[in-house]
C-alpha atoms as a PDB file:
ATOM      1  CA  UNK A   1     -34.979 -53.230 -22.904  1.00  0.00           C
ATOM      2  CA  UNK A   2     -33.003 -54.929 -19.827  1.00  0.00           C
ATOM      3  CA  UNK A   3     -33.269 -58.415 -22.449  1.00  0.00           C
ATOM      4  CA  UNK A   4     -31.743 -56.469 -25.194  1.00  0.00           C
ATOM      5  CA  UNK A   5     -29.010 -55.395 -22.998  1.00  0.00           C
ATOM      6  CA  UNK A   6     -28.399 -58.785 -21.700  1.00  0.00           C
ATOM      7  CA  UNK A   7     -30.204 -58.659 -18.832  1.00  0.00           C
ATOM      8  CA  UNK A   8     -33.021 -60.979 -17.539  1.00  0.00           C
ATOM      9  CA  UNK A   9     -36.494 -61.108 -15.950  1.00  0.00           C
ATOM     10  CA  UNK A  10     -34.654 -61.104 -12.193  1.00  0.00           C
ATOM     11  CA  UNK A  11     -32.751 -57.966 -12.967  1.00  0.00           C
ATOM     12  CA  UNK A  12     -36.030 -56.091 -14.266  1.00  0.00           C
ATOM     13  CA  UNK A  13     -37.882 -57.565 -10.941  1.00  0.00           C
ATOM     14  CA  UNK A  14     -35.116 -55.951  -8.720  1.00  0.00           C
ATOM     15  CA  UNK A  15     -35.916 -52.307 -10.293  1.00  0.00           C
ATOM     16  CA  UNK A  16     -37.916 -51.277  -6.838  1.00  0.00           C
ATOM     17  CA  UNK A  17     -37.086 -49.062  -3.874  1.00  0.00           C
ATOM     18  CA  UNK A  18     -35.582 -52.250  -1.915  1.00  0.00           C
ATOM     19  CA  UNK A  19     -33.991 -53.839  -5.182  1.00  0.00           C
ATOM     20  CA  UNK A  20     -30.586 -54.019  -6.547  1.00  0.00           C
ATOM     21  CA  UNK A  21     -31.993 -51.547  -8.740  1.00  0.00           C
ATOM     22  CA  UNK A  22     -32.902 -49.163  -6.881  1.00  0.00           C
ATOM     23  CA  UNK A  23     -31.043 -46.243  -8.111  1.00  0.00           C
ATOM     24  CA  UNK A  24     -33.346 -47.006 -11.402  1.00  0.00           C
ATOM     25  CA  UNK A  25     -36.362 -47.170  -9.566  1.00  0.00           C
ATOM     26  CA  UNK A  26     -35.547 -43.665  -8.044  1.00  0.00           C
ATOM     27  CA  UNK A  27     -34.845 -42.319 -11.727  1.00  0.00           C
ATOM     28  CA  UNK A  28     -37.965 -43.765 -12.723  1.00  0.00           C
ATOM     29  CA  UNK A  29     -40.009 -42.256  -9.665  1.00  0.00           C
ATOM     30  CA  UNK A  30     -38.300 -38.759 -10.031  1.00  0.00           C
ATOM     31  CA  UNK A  31     -37.995 -38.353 -13.710  1.00  0.00           C
ATOM     32  CA  UNK A  32     -40.377 -40.740 -15.136  1.00  0.00           C
ATOM     33  CA  UNK A  33     -37.893 -42.565 -17.064  1.00  0.00           C
ATOM     34  CA  UNK A  34     -34.998 -44.296 -16.661  1.00  0.00           C
ATOM     35  CA  UNK A  35     -32.111 -43.228 -19.036  1.00  0.00           C
ATOM     36  CA  UNK A  36     -30.637 -45.984 -21.420  1.00  0.00           C
ATOM     37  CA  UNK A  37     -27.216 -45.506 -20.188  1.00  0.00           C
ATOM     38  CA  UNK A  38     -28.156 -45.639 -16.550  1.00  0.00           C
ATOM     39  CA  UNK A  39     -30.179 -49.312 -17.543  1.00  0.00           C
ATOM     40  CA  UNK A  40     -27.041 -50.086 -19.669  1.00  0.00           C
ATOM     41  CA  UNK A  41     -24.878 -49.729 -16.664  1.00  0.00           C
ATOM     42  CA  UNK A  42     -26.963 -51.554 -14.241  1.00  0.00           C
ATOM     43  CA  UNK A  43     -26.884 -54.641 -16.572  1.00  0.00           C
ATOM     44  CA  UNK A  44     -23.434 -54.591 -17.101  1.00  0.00           C
ATOM     45  CA  UNK A  45     -22.683 -54.388 -13.207  1.00  0.00           C
ATOM     46  CA  UNK A  46     -25.022 -57.138 -12.383  1.00  0.00           C
ATOM     47  CA  UNK A  47     -23.882 -59.332 -14.936  1.00  0.00           C
ATOM     48  CA  UNK A  48     -20.380 -58.877 -13.676  1.00  0.00           C
ATOM     49  CA  UNK A  49     -21.477 -59.539 -10.085  1.00  0.00           C
ATOM     50  CA  UNK A  50     -23.125 -62.784 -11.282  1.00  0.00           C
ATOM     51  CA  UNK A  51     -19.956 -63.705 -12.719  1.00  0.00           C
ATOM     52  CA  UNK A  52     -17.999 -63.301  -9.394  1.00  0.00           C
ATOM     53  CA  UNK A  53     -20.575 -65.036  -7.712  1.00  0.00           C
ATOM     54  CA  UNK A  54     -20.544 -68.147 -10.065  1.00  0.00           C
ATOM     55  CA  UNK A  55     -16.782 -68.075  -9.871  1.00  0.00           C
ATOM     56  CA  UNK A  56     -16.821 -67.876  -6.018  1.00  0.00           C
ATOM     57  CA  UNK A  57     -19.191 -70.827  -5.836  1.00  0.00           C
ATOM     58  CA  UNK A  58     -17.660 -73.126  -8.204  1.00  0.00           C
ATOM     59  CA  UNK A  59     -14.054 -72.109  -6.566  1.00  0.00           C
ATOM     60  CA  UNK A  60     -15.011 -72.186  -2.738  1.00  0.00           C
ATOM     61  CA  UNK A  61     -18.231 -73.829  -2.586  1.00  0.00           C
ATOM     62  CA  UNK A  62     -20.847 -72.646  -0.166  1.00  0.00           C
ATOM     63  CA  UNK A  63     -20.938 -68.421  -0.249  1.00  0.00           C
ATOM     64  CA  UNK A  64     -23.670 -65.837   0.704  1.00  0.00           C
ATOM     65  CA  UNK A  65     -23.954 -62.563  -0.693  1.00  0.00           C
ATOM     66  CA  UNK A  66     -23.762 -60.200   2.212  1.00  0.00           C
ATOM     67  CA  UNK A  67     -24.481 -57.249   0.704  1.00  0.00           C
ATOM     68  CA  UNK A  68     -24.682 -55.580  -3.201  1.00  0.00           C
ATOM     69  CA  UNK A  69     -25.388 -51.960  -3.785  1.00  0.00           C
ATOM     70  CA  UNK A  70     -24.633 -50.951  -7.368  1.00  0.00           C
ATOM     71  CA  UNK A  71     -21.447 -51.815  -8.186  1.00  0.00           C
ATOM     72  CA  UNK A  72     -20.410 -52.969  -4.649  1.00  0.00           C
ATOM     73  CA  UNK A  73     -20.722 -56.642  -3.789  1.00  0.00           C
ATOM     74  CA  UNK A  74     -19.999 -58.086  -0.610  1.00  0.00           C
ATOM     75  CA  UNK A  75     -19.443 -62.147  -0.202  1.00  0.00           C
ATOM     76  CA  UNK A  76     -18.787 -64.454   2.792  1.00  0.00           C
ATOM     77  CA  UNK A  77     -17.366 -67.576   1.740  1.00  0.00           C
ATOM     78  CA  UNK A  78     -17.825 -70.477   4.448  1.00  0.00           C
ATOM     79  CA  UNK A  79     -14.991 -72.450   3.372  1.00  0.00           C
ATOM     80  CA  UNK A  80     -11.881 -72.391   6.113  1.00  0.00           C
ATOM     81  CA  UNK A  81      -9.226 -70.380   3.925  1.00  0.00           C
ATOM     82  CA  UNK A  82      -6.834 -67.652   3.758  1.00  0.00           C
ATOM     83  CA  UNK A  83      -8.102 -64.397   2.507  1.00  0.00           C
ATOM     84  CA  UNK A  84      -4.591 -64.088   0.410  1.00  0.00           C
ATOM     85  CA  UNK A  85      -5.582 -67.242  -1.122  1.00  0.00           C
ATOM     86  CA  UNK A  86      -9.115 -65.844  -2.263  1.00  0.00           C
ATOM     87  CA  UNK A  87      -7.633 -63.162  -3.708  1.00  0.00           C
ATOM     88  CA  UNK A  88      -4.700 -65.206  -5.404  1.00  0.00           C
ATOM     89  CA  UNK A  89      -7.496 -67.067  -6.811  1.00  0.00           C
ATOM     90  CA  UNK A  90      -8.929 -64.012  -8.545  1.00  0.00           C
ATOM     91  CA  UNK A  91      -5.618 -62.646  -9.653  1.00  0.00           C
ATOM     92  CA  UNK A  92      -5.024 -65.967 -11.804  1.00  0.00           C
ATOM     93  CA  UNK A  93      -8.640 -66.181 -12.923  1.00  0.00           C
ATOM     94  CA  UNK A  94     -10.998 -63.374 -12.891  1.00  0.00           C
ATOM     95  CA  UNK A  95     -10.660 -60.014 -15.356  1.00  0.00           C
ATOM     96  CA  UNK A  96     -13.498 -57.958 -13.871  1.00  0.00           C
ATOM     97  CA  UNK A  97     -12.143 -54.511 -12.115  1.00  0.00           C
ATOM     98  CA  UNK A  98     -15.283 -52.699 -12.914  1.00  0.00           C
ATOM     99  CA  UNK A  99     -17.200 -53.870  -9.371  1.00  0.00           C
ATOM    100  CA  UNK A 100     -16.123 -53.213  -5.888  1.00  0.00           C
ATOM    101  CA  UNK A 101     -15.844 -56.169  -3.840  1.00  0.00           C
ATOM    102  CA  UNK A 102     -15.447 -57.394  -0.401  1.00  0.00           C
ATOM    103  CA  UNK A 103     -14.860 -60.831   0.683  1.00  0.00           C
ATOM    104  CA  UNK A 104     -15.300 -62.250   4.292  1.00  0.00           C
ATOM    105  CA  UNK A 105     -14.011 -65.993   4.592  1.00  0.00           C
ATOM    106  CA  UNK A 106     -15.056 -68.461   7.683  1.00  0.00           C
ATOM    107  CA  UNK A 107     -11.153 -67.457   9.470  1.00  0.00           C
ATOM    108  CA  UNK A 108     -12.266 -63.802   9.823  1.00  0.00           C
END
């Protein structure tokens, strides 16, 4: 079902207590199933997060994902760049207001 919704094997493997899909794992444990709406939302958010990650890598080079829980993503950019420049790049290139984003730069 994940593949049908636009997901991949890695997303499926993250449905575990300490994975990115921990909320889905909890639903499966408590209810015995995962509601389709919750699964679709998970795939959508993970895809948006991957888009942001690839955008950051392509634009700034070396980055790392510091934290990710549901729609919250926290990245560190290792390039010596002002945070205002990072958000300037986002404003002109990225149209994804669905996720909550936290970015740290090497200067922070």
